[in-house]
N, C-alpha and C. Protein backbone atom coordinates (compact mmCIF):
# COMPACT_ATOMS: atom_id res chain seq x y z
N UNK A 1 3.97 -42.93 -13.07
CA UNK A 1 2.80 -41.69 -13.30
C UNK A 1 2.79 -41.08 -11.95
N UNK A 2 2.71 -41.69 -10.87
CA UNK A 2 2.64 -40.70 -9.73
C UNK A 2 4.09 -39.91 -9.52
N UNK A 3 4.99 -40.48 -9.94
CA UNK A 3 6.41 -39.69 -9.57
C UNK A 3 6.45 -38.53 -10.82
N UNK A 4 5.93 -38.73 -11.77
CA UNK A 4 5.85 -37.79 -13.06
C UNK A 4 4.91 -36.66 -12.29
N UNK A 5 3.70 -36.94 -11.86
CA UNK A 5 2.89 -35.93 -11.50
C UNK A 5 3.60 -35.32 -10.25
N UNK A 6 4.34 -36.06 -9.27
CA UNK A 6 4.72 -35.17 -8.30
C UNK A 6 5.88 -34.32 -8.88
N UNK A 7 6.72 -34.88 -9.76
CA UNK A 7 7.60 -33.98 -10.18
C UNK A 7 6.99 -32.55 -10.78
N UNK A 8 6.14 -32.89 -11.64
CA UNK A 8 5.53 -31.38 -12.36
C UNK A 8 4.88 -30.59 -11.19
N UNK A 9 4.22 -31.19 -10.11
CA UNK A 9 3.71 -30.42 -9.08
C UNK A 9 5.04 -29.52 -8.27
N UNK A 10 5.98 -30.28 -8.13
CA UNK A 10 7.06 -29.67 -7.42
C UNK A 10 7.63 -28.64 -8.54
N UNK A 11 7.83 -28.89 -9.69
CA UNK A 11 8.43 -27.81 -10.66
C UNK A 11 7.38 -26.67 -10.62
N UNK A 12 6.24 -26.76 -10.80
CA UNK A 12 5.24 -25.60 -10.61
C UNK A 12 5.32 -24.76 -9.29
N UNK A 13 5.50 -25.64 -8.16
CA UNK A 13 5.63 -24.91 -6.99
C UNK A 13 6.99 -24.24 -6.75
N UNK A 14 7.84 -24.52 -7.42
CA UNK A 14 9.31 -23.80 -7.62
C UNK A 14 9.15 -22.64 -8.60
N UNK A 15 8.50 -22.63 -9.52
CA UNK A 15 8.14 -21.59 -10.40
C UNK A 15 7.51 -20.73 -9.96
N UNK A 16 6.09 -20.77 -8.99
CA UNK A 16 5.50 -20.17 -8.43
C UNK A 16 6.35 -19.20 -7.48
N UNK A 17 7.06 -20.07 -6.59
CA UNK A 17 7.84 -19.15 -5.25
C UNK A 17 8.67 -18.30 -6.00
N UNK A 18 9.54 -18.89 -7.22
CA UNK A 18 10.48 -17.97 -7.81
C UNK A 18 9.86 -16.59 -8.41
N UNK A 19 8.54 -16.58 -8.99
CA UNK A 19 7.96 -15.63 -9.66
C UNK A 19 7.65 -14.56 -8.43
N UNK A 20 7.03 -15.19 -7.50
CA UNK A 20 6.75 -14.55 -6.21
C UNK A 20 7.85 -13.79 -5.56
N UNK A 21 9.00 -14.46 -5.25
CA UNK A 21 10.24 -13.81 -4.82
C UNK A 21 10.71 -12.63 -5.51
N UNK A 22 10.80 -13.14 -6.91
CA UNK A 22 11.56 -12.15 -7.80
C UNK A 22 10.79 -11.04 -7.93
N UNK A 23 9.34 -10.86 -7.87
CA UNK A 23 8.50 -9.70 -7.93
C UNK A 23 8.81 -8.99 -6.71
N UNK A 24 8.94 -9.61 -5.35
CA UNK A 24 9.04 -8.91 -4.37
C UNK A 24 10.52 -8.30 -4.29
N UNK A 25 11.38 -8.63 -4.92
CA UNK A 25 12.66 -8.09 -4.81
C UNK A 25 12.87 -6.84 -5.94
N UNK A 26 11.85 -6.87 -6.89
CA UNK A 26 11.96 -5.78 -7.96
C UNK A 26 11.81 -4.51 -7.33
N UNK A 27 11.06 -4.07 -6.47
CA UNK A 27 10.78 -2.69 -5.96
C UNK A 27 11.93 -2.04 -5.50
N UNK A 28 12.09 -0.97 -6.25
CA UNK A 28 13.03 -0.15 -6.22
C UNK A 28 12.70 0.89 -4.99
N UNK A 29 12.83 0.57 -3.95
CA UNK A 29 12.46 1.35 -2.90
C UNK A 29 13.02 1.46 -1.62
N UNK A 30 13.69 2.74 -1.19
CA UNK A 30 14.56 2.78 -0.15
C UNK A 30 14.00 2.59 1.33
N UNK A 31 14.21 1.99 2.21
CA UNK A 31 13.69 1.73 3.72
C UNK A 31 13.98 2.79 4.39
N UNK A 32 12.98 3.26 5.08
CA UNK A 32 13.18 4.10 6.29
C UNK A 32 11.96 5.08 6.54
N UNK A 33 12.45 6.40 6.76
CA UNK A 33 11.69 7.43 7.08
C UNK A 33 11.35 8.38 5.77
N UNK A 34 9.98 8.58 5.51
CA UNK A 34 9.46 9.01 4.43
C UNK A 34 8.63 10.28 4.85
N UNK A 35 8.96 11.39 4.01
CA UNK A 35 8.11 12.80 4.25
C UNK A 35 7.06 12.41 2.94
N UNK A 36 5.85 12.37 3.35
CA UNK A 36 4.64 12.38 2.46
C UNK A 36 3.77 13.75 2.33
N UNK A 37 3.66 14.38 1.03
CA UNK A 37 2.83 15.24 1.08
C UNK A 37 1.62 14.79 0.25
N UNK A 38 0.52 14.92 0.63
CA UNK A 38 -0.80 14.49 0.21
C UNK A 38 -1.81 15.68 -0.07
N UNK A 39 -2.01 15.98 -1.23
CA UNK A 39 -3.31 16.68 -1.81
C UNK A 39 -4.74 15.90 -2.00
N UNK A 40 -5.38 16.62 -1.25
CA UNK A 40 -6.89 15.82 -1.05
C UNK A 40 -7.86 16.63 -1.73
N UNK A 41 -8.77 15.82 -2.75
CA UNK A 41 -9.73 16.27 -3.59
C UNK A 41 -11.29 15.64 -3.23
N UNK A 42 -12.19 16.39 -2.86
CA UNK A 42 -13.42 16.06 -2.36
C UNK A 42 -14.22 16.42 -3.47
N UNK A 43 -14.79 15.56 -4.45
CA UNK A 43 -15.75 16.29 -5.61
C UNK A 43 -17.06 16.61 -4.88
N UNK A 44 -17.56 17.56 -5.34
CA UNK A 44 -18.99 17.85 -4.72
C UNK A 44 -18.92 18.91 -3.58
N UNK A 45 -17.80 19.09 -2.80
CA UNK A 45 -17.53 19.91 -1.60
C UNK A 45 -17.11 21.33 -1.94
N UNK A 46 -17.73 22.20 -1.27
CA UNK A 46 -17.34 23.70 -1.64
C UNK A 46 -16.38 24.03 -0.88
N UNK A 47 -15.06 23.27 -0.76
CA UNK A 47 -13.82 23.46 -0.26
C UNK A 47 -12.75 23.25 -1.05
N UNK A 48 -11.69 24.28 -0.77
CA UNK A 48 -10.32 24.25 -1.81
C UNK A 48 -9.75 22.95 -1.58
N UNK A 49 -8.93 22.54 -2.42
CA UNK A 49 -8.40 21.23 -2.06
C UNK A 49 -7.24 21.28 -0.93
N UNK A 50 -7.13 20.37 -0.12
CA UNK A 50 -6.35 20.52 1.00
C UNK A 50 -5.22 19.69 0.77
N UNK A 51 -3.87 20.31 1.39
CA UNK A 51 -2.72 19.40 1.34
C UNK A 51 -2.00 19.25 2.80
N UNK A 52 -1.53 18.25 3.00
CA UNK A 52 -0.89 18.22 4.39
C UNK A 52 0.24 17.28 4.31
N UNK A 53 1.41 17.49 5.16
CA UNK A 53 2.63 16.52 5.09
C UNK A 53 2.72 16.02 6.09
N UNK A 54 3.19 14.70 6.31
CA UNK A 54 3.48 13.72 7.58
C UNK A 54 4.56 12.91 7.26
N UNK A 55 5.06 12.16 8.31
CA UNK A 55 6.24 11.20 7.96
C UNK A 55 5.58 9.91 8.48
N UNK A 56 6.31 8.88 7.66
CA UNK A 56 5.77 7.39 7.96
C UNK A 56 7.30 6.65 7.82
N UNK A 57 7.48 5.66 8.69
CA UNK A 57 8.35 4.72 8.57
C UNK A 57 7.82 3.30 7.54
N UNK A 58 8.77 3.51 6.42
CA UNK A 58 8.11 2.58 5.27
C UNK A 58 9.34 1.31 5.35
N UNK A 59 9.05 0.18 4.87
CA UNK A 59 9.78 -0.92 4.96
C UNK A 59 9.39 -1.84 3.63
N UNK A 60 10.22 -2.76 3.16
CA UNK A 60 9.77 -3.45 2.13
C UNK A 60 8.54 -4.66 2.48
N UNK A 61 8.37 -4.56 4.14
CA UNK A 61 7.51 -5.31 4.44
C UNK A 61 6.00 -4.67 4.70
N UNK A 62 6.44 -3.39 4.51
CA UNK A 62 5.07 -2.50 4.80
C UNK A 62 5.61 -1.11 3.70
N UNK A 63 5.13 -1.41 2.60
CA UNK A 63 5.35 -0.20 1.78
C UNK A 63 4.41 0.75 1.54
N UNK A 64 3.07 0.35 2.08
CA UNK A 64 1.89 1.10 1.78
C UNK A 64 1.95 2.57 2.75
N UNK A 65 1.89 3.60 2.13
CA UNK A 65 2.06 5.04 2.55
C UNK A 65 0.71 5.50 2.66
N UNK A 66 0.20 4.85 3.51
CA UNK A 66 -1.26 5.30 4.24
C UNK A 66 -1.12 5.22 5.83
N UNK A 67 -1.41 6.22 6.50
CA UNK A 67 -1.56 6.51 7.87
C UNK A 67 -2.47 5.51 8.59
N UNK A 68 -3.70 4.97 8.01
CA UNK A 68 -4.30 4.10 8.95
C UNK A 68 -3.94 2.58 9.07
N UNK A 69 -2.92 2.41 7.85
CA UNK A 69 -2.35 1.19 8.32
C UNK A 69 -1.05 1.16 9.04
N UNK A 70 -0.75 2.28 9.34
CA UNK A 70 0.47 2.27 10.12
C UNK A 70 0.23 1.83 11.80
N UNK A 71 -0.94 2.28 12.33
CA UNK A 71 -1.34 2.23 13.94
C UNK A 71 -1.59 0.80 13.89
N UNK A 72 -0.91 -0.14 14.58
CA UNK A 72 -1.27 -1.53 14.95
C UNK A 72 -1.53 -1.86 16.38
N UNK A 73 -2.15 -2.61 17.00
CA UNK A 73 -2.30 -3.07 17.89
C UNK A 73 -1.40 -3.87 18.64
N UNK A 74 -1.57 -4.35 19.73
CA UNK A 74 -0.54 -5.41 20.26
C UNK A 74 -0.26 -6.52 19.59
N UNK A 75 -1.19 -7.07 18.67
CA UNK A 75 -1.13 -8.32 18.02
C UNK A 75 -0.53 -8.02 16.55
N UNK A 76 -0.40 -6.81 16.29
CA UNK A 76 0.30 -6.50 15.06
C UNK A 76 -0.90 -6.28 13.87
N UNK A 77 -2.09 -6.21 14.24
CA UNK A 77 -2.99 -5.76 13.13
C UNK A 77 -3.96 -4.49 13.62
N UNK A 78 -4.38 -3.96 12.62
CA UNK A 78 -4.88 -2.89 12.88
C UNK A 78 -6.39 -3.09 13.19
N UNK A 79 -6.87 -2.59 14.32
CA UNK A 79 -8.37 -3.15 14.68
C UNK A 79 -9.37 -3.07 13.86
N UNK A 80 -9.70 -1.67 13.15
CA UNK A 80 -10.76 -1.60 12.33
C UNK A 80 -10.58 -1.72 11.00
N UNK A 81 -9.26 -1.86 10.44
CA UNK A 81 -9.03 -1.89 9.05
C UNK A 81 -8.41 -3.39 8.54
N UNK A 82 -8.58 -3.61 7.42
CA UNK A 82 -8.03 -4.83 6.75
C UNK A 82 -7.45 -4.67 5.66
N UNK A 83 -6.08 -5.17 5.09
CA UNK A 83 -5.90 -5.06 3.90
C UNK A 83 -6.14 -6.50 3.08
N UNK A 84 -7.17 -6.03 2.13
CA UNK A 84 -7.99 -7.08 1.45
C UNK A 84 -7.19 -7.53 0.19
N UNK A 85 -6.47 -6.43 -0.33
CA UNK A 85 -5.73 -6.62 -1.91
C UNK A 85 -4.27 -6.39 -1.66
N UNK A 86 -3.36 -6.81 -2.38
CA UNK A 86 -1.96 -6.17 -2.22
C UNK A 86 -1.29 -7.08 -3.77
N UNK A 87 -0.91 -5.99 -4.47
CA UNK A 87 -0.12 -6.63 -5.63
C UNK A 87 1.10 -5.86 -5.88
N UNK A 88 2.19 -6.36 -6.45
CA UNK A 88 3.28 -5.71 -7.02
C UNK A 88 3.63 -6.09 -8.17
N UNK A 89 3.69 -4.87 -9.02
CA UNK A 89 4.18 -4.94 -10.71
C UNK A 89 4.93 -4.02 -10.84
N UNK A 90 6.15 -4.46 -11.15
CA UNK A 90 7.49 -3.74 -11.23
C UNK A 90 7.99 -2.90 -10.03
N UNK A 91 7.90 -1.68 -9.99
CA UNK A 91 8.24 -0.79 -9.09
C UNK A 91 6.84 -0.24 -8.33
N UNK A 92 5.73 -0.69 -8.72
CA UNK A 92 4.34 -0.16 -8.43
C UNK A 92 3.62 -1.27 -7.34
N UNK A 93 3.04 -0.78 -6.15
CA UNK A 93 2.11 -1.60 -5.28
C UNK A 93 0.81 -1.15 -5.72
N UNK A 94 0.03 -2.05 -5.76
CA UNK A 94 -1.64 -1.71 -5.60
C UNK A 94 -2.07 -2.49 -4.76
N UNK A 95 -3.04 -1.78 -3.77
CA UNK A 95 -3.64 -2.14 -2.54
C UNK A 95 -4.77 -1.79 -2.39
N UNK A 96 -5.70 -2.56 -1.42
CA UNK A 96 -6.88 -1.99 -1.10
C UNK A 96 -7.32 -2.36 0.32
N UNK A 97 -7.78 -1.47 1.23
CA UNK A 97 -8.09 -1.49 2.50
C UNK A 97 -9.50 -1.34 2.83
N UNK A 98 -10.08 -2.25 3.84
CA UNK A 98 -11.45 -1.94 4.11
C UNK A 98 -11.67 -1.56 5.78
N UNK A 99 -12.01 -0.62 6.08
CA UNK A 99 -12.15 -0.05 6.94
C UNK A 99 -13.57 0.01 7.79
N UNK A 100 -13.81 -0.26 9.21
CA UNK A 100 -14.91 0.02 9.52
C UNK A 100 -14.97 0.77 10.86
N UNK A 101 -15.87 1.49 10.98
CA UNK A 101 -16.23 2.34 12.33
C UNK A 101 -17.63 2.77 12.38
N UNK A 102 -17.77 3.50 13.32
CA UNK A 102 -19.06 3.90 13.81
C UNK A 102 -20.00 4.59 12.46
N UNK A 103 -19.07 5.25 11.79
CA UNK A 103 -19.75 5.90 10.51
C UNK A 103 -20.07 4.76 9.39
N UNK A 104 -19.72 3.75 9.58
CA UNK A 104 -19.75 2.50 8.56
C UNK A 104 -18.56 1.93 7.83
N UNK A 105 -18.61 1.76 6.96
CA UNK A 105 -17.66 0.99 6.19
C UNK A 105 -17.02 1.96 4.97
N UNK A 106 -15.54 2.23 4.89
CA UNK A 106 -14.87 2.71 3.74
C UNK A 106 -14.17 1.68 2.99
N UNK A 107 -14.04 1.74 1.79
CA UNK A 107 -12.90 1.16 1.02
C UNK A 107 -11.98 2.08 0.44
N UNK A 108 -10.78 1.76 0.53
CA UNK A 108 -9.66 2.54 0.00
C UNK A 108 -8.86 1.55 -0.77
N UNK A 109 -8.56 2.30 -2.03
CA UNK A 109 -7.62 1.77 -3.18
C UNK A 109 -6.46 2.73 -3.36
N UNK A 110 -5.48 2.11 -3.56
CA UNK A 110 -4.08 2.95 -3.64
C UNK A 110 -3.23 2.14 -4.69
N UNK A 111 -2.38 3.14 -5.27
CA UNK A 111 -1.61 2.71 -6.25
C UNK A 111 -0.09 3.75 -6.10
N UNK A 112 0.86 2.91 -5.91
CA UNK A 112 2.13 3.81 -5.78
C UNK A 112 3.26 3.45 -6.29
N UNK A 113 3.75 4.01 -6.94
CA UNK A 113 4.94 3.84 -7.70
C UNK A 113 6.62 4.40 -7.16
N UNK A 114 7.01 3.52 -6.79
CA UNK A 114 8.61 4.12 -6.12
C UNK A 114 9.58 4.05 -7.27
N UNK A 115 10.40 5.11 -6.62
CA UNK A 115 11.84 5.03 -7.72
C UNK A 115 13.05 5.32 -6.77
N UNK A 116 13.21 4.46 -6.04
CA UNK A 116 14.38 4.64 -5.35
C UNK A 116 14.01 5.24 -3.87
N UNK A 117 14.30 6.73 -3.95
CA UNK A 117 14.08 7.67 -2.84
C UNK A 117 13.10 8.44 -3.24
N UNK A 118 12.12 8.28 -3.79
CA UNK A 118 10.77 9.21 -4.25
C UNK A 118 9.74 8.17 -4.64
N UNK A 119 8.84 8.61 -4.32
CA UNK A 119 7.49 8.24 -5.06
C UNK A 119 6.40 8.90 -5.16
N UNK A 120 5.38 8.49 -6.04
CA UNK A 120 3.95 9.20 -6.37
C UNK A 120 2.88 8.10 -6.20
N UNK A 121 2.07 8.73 -6.00
CA UNK A 121 0.66 7.79 -5.79
C UNK A 121 -0.82 8.38 -5.74
N UNK A 122 -1.73 7.61 -5.90
CA UNK A 122 -2.78 7.98 -5.85
C UNK A 122 -3.82 7.16 -4.88
N UNK A 123 -4.57 7.84 -4.06
CA UNK A 123 -5.33 7.03 -3.29
C UNK A 123 -6.76 7.49 -3.18
N UNK A 124 -7.96 6.75 -3.25
CA UNK A 124 -9.22 6.86 -3.54
C UNK A 124 -9.89 6.30 -2.28
N UNK A 125 -10.77 6.84 -1.59
CA UNK A 125 -11.46 6.66 -0.50
C UNK A 125 -12.97 6.51 -0.91
N UNK A 126 -13.72 5.56 -0.57
CA UNK A 126 -15.22 5.73 -0.80
C UNK A 126 -15.96 5.17 0.37
N UNK A 127 -16.72 6.14 0.79
CA UNK A 127 -17.47 5.79 1.91
C UNK A 127 -18.79 5.68 1.47
N UNK A 128 -20.11 5.31 2.22
CA UNK A 128 -21.50 5.45 1.72
C UNK A 128 -21.97 6.84 1.24
N UNK A 129 -21.37 7.91 2.05
CA UNK A 129 -21.98 9.14 1.50
C UNK A 129 -20.97 10.04 0.61
N UNK A 130 -19.51 9.73 0.46
CA UNK A 130 -18.74 10.41 -0.19
C UNK A 130 -17.47 9.52 -0.74
N UNK A 131 -16.88 10.50 -1.85
CA UNK A 131 -15.74 9.73 -2.41
C UNK A 131 -14.59 10.91 -2.26
N UNK A 132 -13.21 10.48 -2.19
CA UNK A 132 -12.24 11.37 -2.09
C UNK A 132 -11.12 11.03 -2.84
N UNK A 133 -10.39 11.92 -3.29
CA UNK A 133 -8.95 11.35 -3.98
C UNK A 133 -7.80 11.92 -3.35
N UNK A 134 -6.82 11.21 -3.07
CA UNK A 134 -5.67 11.88 -2.56
C UNK A 134 -4.50 11.60 -3.47
N UNK A 135 -3.69 12.72 -3.87
CA UNK A 135 -2.40 12.74 -4.72
C UNK A 135 -1.12 12.69 -3.80
N UNK A 136 -0.64 11.63 -3.80
CA UNK A 136 0.76 11.82 -2.95
C UNK A 136 2.07 11.82 -3.50
N UNK A 137 2.99 12.56 -2.81
CA UNK A 137 4.20 12.65 -3.38
C UNK A 137 5.12 12.30 -1.98
N UNK A 138 6.29 11.47 -2.04
CA UNK A 138 6.82 10.92 -1.14
C UNK A 138 8.46 11.12 -1.11
N UNK A 139 9.29 11.49 -0.43
CA UNK A 139 10.60 11.47 -0.51
C UNK A 139 11.18 10.97 0.92
N UNK A 140 12.31 9.99 0.87
CA UNK A 140 12.99 9.53 1.61
C UNK A 140 13.83 10.59 2.47
N UNK A 141 13.73 10.55 3.90
CA UNK A 141 14.50 11.54 4.12
C UNK A 141 15.48 11.02 5.33
N UNK A 142 15.29 9.59 5.69
CA UNK A 142 16.47 9.13 6.62
C UNK A 142 15.99 7.94 7.09
N UNK A 143 16.85 7.28 8.24
CA UNK A 143 16.40 6.07 8.82
C UNK A 143 15.39 6.37 9.74
N UNK A 144 14.63 5.26 10.11
CA UNK A 144 13.49 4.99 11.05
C UNK A 144 14.25 5.23 12.52
N UNK A 145 13.66 5.66 13.29
CA UNK A 145 14.30 5.90 14.76
C UNK A 145 13.45 5.22 15.58
């Protein structure tokens, strides 16, 4: 009985690790330097939509195209932000980040869909006093240096 139960548990662990490994390999994303254009929309504000462009080095270990998650301290973690959710579905990553600073807590949720050397995404930031939505488009421009 114990051998049968142990065999079942090993089988389940093998299936779970295979599914996790296979889903991580599914992302069709080119690693390297990405140019990201973000259009920001802040409801309730009397300002026109703003857009800006920046570059980030993205890898399959760090596919989140969000600047606040790129600045790491010497221990490899973001001092004021933490990744609290991360899922991969096909070529799409879904993520949630919680940041704390003197202004309070902000929750950022994102959805990014890669198609090789381009991506499109939407990022929503919510603080105690406002919400904003950012629409992202990214294109691979070369290797990271």
